[in-house]
Protein backbone atom coordinates (compact mmCIF):
# COMPACT_ATOMS: atom_id res chain seq x y z
CA MET A 1 79.64 60.74 -80.51
CA LYS A 2 77.29 60.28 -78.09
CA ALA A 3 74.41 57.51 -77.60
CA THR A 4 71.39 57.15 -75.88
CA TYR A 5 68.44 54.73 -75.69
CA SER A 6 64.94 53.76 -74.76
CA LEU A 7 62.46 51.41 -74.74
CA SER A 8 58.40 51.55 -75.70
CA HIS A 9 57.83 49.97 -73.11
CA SER A 10 58.89 50.58 -69.89
CA LEU A 11 58.01 46.69 -68.24
CA ILE A 12 58.50 43.84 -70.40
CA ALA A 13 56.46 40.47 -69.63
CA ALA A 14 57.92 37.78 -69.05
CA ALA A 15 55.77 34.87 -70.01
CA HIS A 16 54.21 36.57 -72.69
CA PRO A 17 55.41 37.38 -76.04
CA SER A 18 55.69 41.18 -77.28
CA THR A 19 57.28 43.38 -79.47
CA ILE A 20 59.13 46.29 -78.03
CA ASP A 21 60.66 49.02 -80.16
CA LEU A 22 64.84 49.88 -79.30
CA ILE A 23 64.89 53.86 -79.84
CA ILE A 24 69.03 54.35 -80.63
CA ASN A 25 70.33 58.39 -80.86
CA PHE A 26 73.15 59.11 -81.80
CA GLY A 27 74.39 63.26 -81.03
CA ALA A 28 78.37 65.00 -80.52
CA ASP A 29 79.74 64.66 -77.43
CA ASN A 30 79.86 68.14 -76.84
CA GLU A 31 78.59 71.28 -78.27
CA THR A 32 82.06 72.02 -79.92
CA ASP A 33 81.00 69.35 -82.61
CA ASN A 34 77.75 70.58 -83.16
CA GLN A 35 79.73 73.19 -84.74
CA ILE A 36 81.60 71.49 -87.80
CA THR A 37 79.94 72.37 -90.67
CA ARG A 38 78.68 68.99 -92.67
CA ARG A 39 78.91 68.53 -96.76
CA PRO A 40 75.17 68.59 -98.20
CA LEU A 41 73.35 65.16 -98.26
CA ASN A 42 72.06 63.75 -101.37
CA LEU A 43 69.26 61.60 -101.38
CA SER A 44 67.44 59.47 -102.92
CA LEU A 45 64.15 57.89 -102.30
CA VAL A 46 62.05 55.19 -104.20
CA ILE A 47 59.07 54.02 -103.35
CA ASP A 48 57.57 50.73 -104.04
CA ARG A 49 53.99 51.44 -105.59
CA SER A 50 53.40 48.35 -107.24
CA GLY A 51 50.14 45.72 -106.85
CA SER A 52 51.24 43.90 -103.18
CA MET A 53 52.16 48.01 -101.87
CA ALA A 54 48.57 48.86 -102.66
CA GLY A 55 46.08 50.35 -99.70
CA LYS A 56 47.08 51.16 -96.37
CA SER A 57 50.93 49.49 -97.05
CA LEU A 58 51.44 53.00 -99.60
CA LEU A 59 49.77 55.35 -97.38
CA LYS A 60 51.81 53.92 -94.60
CA CYS A 61 54.70 54.36 -96.32
CA LEU A 62 54.27 57.96 -97.92
CA LEU A 63 53.43 59.43 -94.52
CA GLN A 64 56.07 57.90 -92.45
CA THR A 65 58.14 59.49 -95.84
CA GLY A 66 56.44 62.84 -94.97
CA VAL A 67 58.03 62.83 -91.84
CA SER A 68 61.03 61.70 -92.43
CA LEU A 69 61.69 64.30 -94.88
CA ILE A 70 60.81 66.56 -91.82
CA ASN A 71 63.32 65.71 -89.38
CA LEU A 72 65.91 66.80 -91.74
CA GLU A 73 68.34 68.72 -91.99
CA SER A 74 68.41 72.33 -94.18
CA ALA A 75 71.26 70.46 -96.12
CA VAL A 76 69.79 67.87 -97.98
CA ASN A 77 69.44 67.93 -101.79
CA PHE A 78 66.06 65.89 -102.57
CA ASN A 79 66.01 63.76 -106.03
CA PHE A 80 62.96 62.43 -106.44
CA PRO A 81 63.43 60.11 -109.57
CA LYS A 82 61.21 60.28 -112.40
CA THR A 83 59.17 56.35 -112.74
CA CYS A 84 59.01 54.33 -114.89
């Protein structure tokens, strides 16, 4: 397995607090590892729709969920449980 990383900012201020994101990507070491057939993944998503998630929080959650689903491989089986 090969791992690469990057930071959200190229410079970090020494005397000022700030938030820096560390992005880690994992991949196969060589091309033969990419050709291994993977078993399908069964994925269930549960999204909190309670009062504390109303408004912008819920919208951000739904948008990020959509982005995540688009980026998944085709061998993923989705399960959207009914809400209670």
